[in-house]
Amino acid sequence: MMASSINGLPVVTVHGGEDVAEVRDVIYDPEAGRLVGLTLNKRGFLSGRRREVLPAETIHAIGRHAVMVMDESSLVVPEAAPDDVASPATERNVLGNDVLTEGGESLGKVQDLVLVVGSAGEVVGYRIEKTDGGTGYIPLPAQLAVSGSALVVPEVTKDFVRDDLVGLGAAVDDFRARLGLT
C-alpha cells in the first residue's frame, strides 16, 4: 500500500475499538529507510490538528482501512516522543527527489513510499515516475545517499525496477539477497 493512502485513515484502538484520531501525515526517515511515526488530526466535522503524535513503535498495525494502536496511550505528546517524531527534519522529504544510480543514470522521481499492509509501517520500496514515462517501483534498502533533491542508489537497482506492486514483492527479496542483506 502507498504511504499517501494512509493519510486520513482513522486511528483505532485494539482494546475497545475507539476511533481516537485521524492520520494527518507520515514521518519518514530516508537514511534509515523506515517510517518513524505519524502526525494526527482530531476526529469530527470541525477537527483540527491534534497535539499528540504516534511513534512507529506504538503502532500495532497499518491496514487498508485503519491504523491500529493498542489503546489511546499510544498517542504521545511531542515532549515524550523520539526526536525524529517530535521534530521531524522537513528538509529530508524524499517525495519529488530524483533517483540516480551510482553511475549517474536517472531512474525517475520518487512519488510515494510502499508499505507492507498489516505491519507497523515497514517500508519496502518507492513508487517512482520513471524517466522514460510511466510508473515504476524500486525496492529498499536501495539508497546509498539521500540529499534534499536526490536518492543515490546502487547501480544494480535498475535491474529491480518493476511496473507493479506484485513484481515489487519478489524484487525486494531478490534485491536484498543480491546485496547480501538477508
Protein backbone atom coordinates (compact mmCIF):
# COMPACT_ATOMS: atom_id res chain seq x y z
CA MET A 1 0.00 0.00 0.00
CA MET A 2 1.17 3.55 -0.61
CA ALA A 3 2.11 5.72 2.37
CA SER A 4 -0.01 8.57 0.98
CA SER A 5 -3.10 6.36 1.17
CA ILE A 6 -2.94 6.21 4.98
CA ASN A 7 -3.42 9.98 5.27
CA GLY A 8 -6.97 10.48 6.54
CA LEU A 9 -7.36 6.95 7.92
CA PRO A 10 -8.82 6.62 11.41
CA VAL A 11 -6.58 5.58 14.31
CA VAL A 12 -8.50 2.89 16.19
CA THR A 13 -7.71 1.14 19.47
CA VAL A 14 -7.42 -2.66 19.54
CA HIS A 15 -8.71 -2.62 23.14
CA GLY A 16 -12.14 -1.06 22.85
CA GLY A 17 -12.39 -0.22 19.15
CA GLU A 18 -12.38 3.52 19.82
CA ASP A 19 -11.70 5.90 16.94
CA VAL A 20 -9.21 8.21 18.69
CA ALA A 21 -7.61 10.23 15.88
CA GLU A 22 -7.06 10.55 12.15
CA VAL A 23 -3.73 10.29 10.32
CA ARG A 24 -2.52 13.69 9.16
CA ASP A 25 0.88 12.83 7.70
CA VAL A 26 3.63 10.22 7.57
CA ILE A 27 7.03 10.93 9.16
CA TYR A 28 9.73 9.06 7.25
CA ASP A 29 13.47 8.75 7.90
CA PRO A 30 15.08 8.29 4.47
CA GLU A 31 18.52 7.49 5.86
CA ALA A 32 17.11 4.58 7.86
CA GLY A 33 14.54 3.72 5.18
CA ARG A 34 11.73 3.48 7.70
CA LEU A 35 8.55 5.13 8.86
CA VAL A 36 9.22 6.72 12.26
CA GLY A 37 5.75 7.99 13.12
CA LEU A 38 2.56 9.80 12.20
CA THR A 39 1.16 13.24 12.87
CA LEU A 40 -2.52 13.31 13.76
CA ASN A 41 -5.75 15.24 13.39
CA LYS A 42 -8.70 15.23 15.76
CA ARG A 43 -11.80 13.34 14.63
CA GLY A 44 -15.04 15.02 13.69
CA PHE A 45 -16.52 17.68 11.45
CA LEU A 46 -14.68 20.64 12.99
CA SER A 47 -11.47 18.73 13.59
CA GLY A 48 -8.06 20.30 13.64
CA ARG A 49 -4.53 19.22 14.28
CA ARG A 50 -4.01 17.02 17.31
CA ARG A 51 -1.01 17.87 19.50
CA GLU A 52 -0.07 14.23 20.14
CA VAL A 53 1.93 12.18 17.65
CA LEU A 54 2.09 8.46 17.02
CA PRO A 55 5.62 6.98 17.13
CA ALA A 56 6.04 3.93 14.85
CA GLU A 57 6.91 1.66 17.78
CA THR A 58 3.44 2.25 19.25
CA ILE A 59 1.62 1.29 16.02
CA HIS A 60 0.07 -2.18 16.26
CA ALA A 61 -0.71 -2.44 12.53
CA ILE A 62 -1.43 -0.36 9.46
CA GLY A 63 -4.33 -1.72 7.43
CA ARG A 64 -6.15 -0.61 4.32
CA HIS A 65 -8.96 0.96 6.37
CA ALA A 66 -7.41 1.96 9.70
CA VAL A 67 -4.23 2.37 11.72
CA MET A 68 -4.46 0.20 14.81
CA VAL A 69 -2.98 1.02 18.24
CA MET A 70 -3.34 -0.93 21.46
CA ASP A 71 -5.02 1.96 23.32
CA GLU A 72 -5.08 5.75 23.46
CA SER A 73 -1.85 5.83 25.49
CA SER A 74 -0.05 5.01 22.21
CA LEU A 75 -0.55 8.65 21.23
CA VAL A 76 2.14 10.72 22.93
CA VAL A 77 2.88 14.40 23.41
CA PRO A 78 5.88 15.61 21.39
CA GLU A 79 7.98 16.07 24.54
CA ALA A 80 7.68 12.32 25.25
CA ALA A 81 8.21 11.22 21.63
CA PRO A 82 11.51 10.30 19.97
CA ASP A 83 13.25 13.37 18.49
CA ASP A 84 12.72 12.28 14.88
CA VAL A 85 8.95 12.16 15.52
CA ALA A 86 8.67 15.20 17.80
CA SER A 87 10.69 17.46 15.47
CA PRO A 88 10.90 15.80 12.04
CA ALA A 89 13.52 17.17 9.66
CA THR A 90 11.47 18.91 6.97
CA GLU A 91 14.35 19.14 4.51
CA ARG A 92 14.58 15.32 4.31
CA ASN A 93 11.34 14.73 2.41
CA VAL A 94 12.10 12.26 -0.40
CA LEU A 95 8.95 12.91 -2.44
CA GLY A 96 9.91 14.54 -5.71
CA ASN A 97 13.59 13.57 -5.37
CA ASP A 98 15.48 12.27 -8.41
CA VAL A 99 16.56 8.63 -8.14
CA LEU A 100 20.09 8.36 -9.54
CA THR A 101 22.31 5.30 -9.82
CA GLU A 102 25.95 5.44 -8.68
CA GLY A 103 26.83 5.66 -12.36
CA GLY A 104 24.71 8.79 -12.84
CA GLU A 105 21.72 7.24 -14.61
CA SER A 106 18.32 8.70 -13.68
CA LEU A 107 15.67 6.11 -12.89
CA GLY A 108 12.95 8.70 -12.23
CA LYS A 109 11.42 10.74 -9.40
CA VAL A 110 10.04 9.49 -6.09
CA GLN A 111 6.24 9.69 -5.94
CA ASP A 112 5.44 7.70 -2.79
CA LEU A 113 6.59 5.11 -0.25
CA VAL A 114 5.43 1.49 -0.44
CA LEU A 115 4.37 -0.01 2.93
CA VAL A 116 3.58 -3.60 3.89
CA VAL A 117 -0.10 -3.90 4.85
CA GLY A 118 -0.63 -5.34 8.33
CA SER A 119 2.81 -4.26 9.53
CA ALA A 120 3.67 -1.43 11.89
CA GLY A 121 4.82 0.62 8.92
CA GLU A 122 7.55 -1.39 7.19
CA VAL A 123 8.72 0.49 4.10
CA VAL A 124 9.80 -1.88 1.31
CA GLY A 125 10.19 0.43 -1.66
CA TYR A 126 9.47 3.61 -3.52
CA ARG A 127 6.93 4.29 -6.26
CA ILE A 128 8.69 6.36 -8.92
CA GLU A 129 7.71 8.23 -12.03
CA LYS A 130 10.16 6.61 -14.44
CA THR A 131 12.42 8.80 -16.55
CA ASP A 132 11.14 7.13 -19.70
CA GLY A 133 7.50 7.58 -18.61
CA GLY A 134 5.07 5.54 -16.57
CA THR A 135 5.16 4.34 -13.02
CA GLY A 136 7.76 2.01 -11.54
CA TYR A 137 8.65 0.55 -8.17
CA ILE A 138 12.12 0.10 -6.68
CA PRO A 139 12.96 -1.94 -3.59
CA LEU A 140 14.56 -0.82 -0.35
CA PRO A 141 17.12 -0.76 1.07
CA ALA A 142 18.37 0.79 -2.13
CA GLN A 143 19.71 4.22 -1.33
CA LEU A 144 23.36 4.95 -0.75
CA ALA A 145 22.86 8.64 -0.09
CA VAL A 146 19.94 11.00 0.42
CA SER A 147 20.01 14.74 -0.07
CA GLY A 148 17.24 17.30 -0.32
CA SER A 149 16.99 16.61 -4.05
CA ALA A 150 18.30 13.11 -4.86
CA LEU A 151 18.49 9.48 -3.76
CA VAL A 152 21.66 7.79 -4.95
CA VAL A 153 21.14 4.05 -5.30
CA PRO A 154 23.42 1.13 -6.17
CA GLU A 155 23.84 0.52 -9.91
CA VAL A 156 22.15 -2.88 -9.53
CA THR A 157 18.87 -1.15 -8.53
CA LYS A 158 17.99 -0.55 -12.19
CA ASP A 159 17.72 -4.36 -12.63
CA PHE A 160 15.00 -4.43 -9.98
CA VAL A 161 12.66 -1.68 -11.21
CA ARG A 162 9.19 -3.23 -11.51
CA ASP A 163 5.99 -1.99 -13.12
CA ASP A 164 3.59 -3.19 -10.41
CA LEU A 165 3.38 -3.96 -6.70
CA VAL A 166 3.21 -7.72 -7.27
CA GLY A 167 6.54 -7.61 -9.07
CA LEU A 168 7.99 -5.40 -6.35
CA GLY A 169 7.26 -8.04 -3.69
CA ALA A 170 9.53 -10.59 -5.38
CA ALA A 171 12.09 -7.93 -6.33
CA VAL A 172 12.54 -6.87 -2.68
CA ASP A 173 13.66 -10.36 -1.63
CA ASP A 174 15.86 -10.81 -4.73
CA PHE A 175 17.39 -7.37 -4.30
CA ARG A 176 18.22 -7.93 -0.63
CA ALA A 177 19.72 -11.34 -1.44
CA ARG A 178 21.89 -9.85 -4.22
CA LEU A 179 23.21 -7.21 -1.83
CA GLY A 180 23.70 -9.80 0.95
CA LEU A 181 21.14 -8.13 3.24
CA THR A 182 19.05 -11.20 4.09
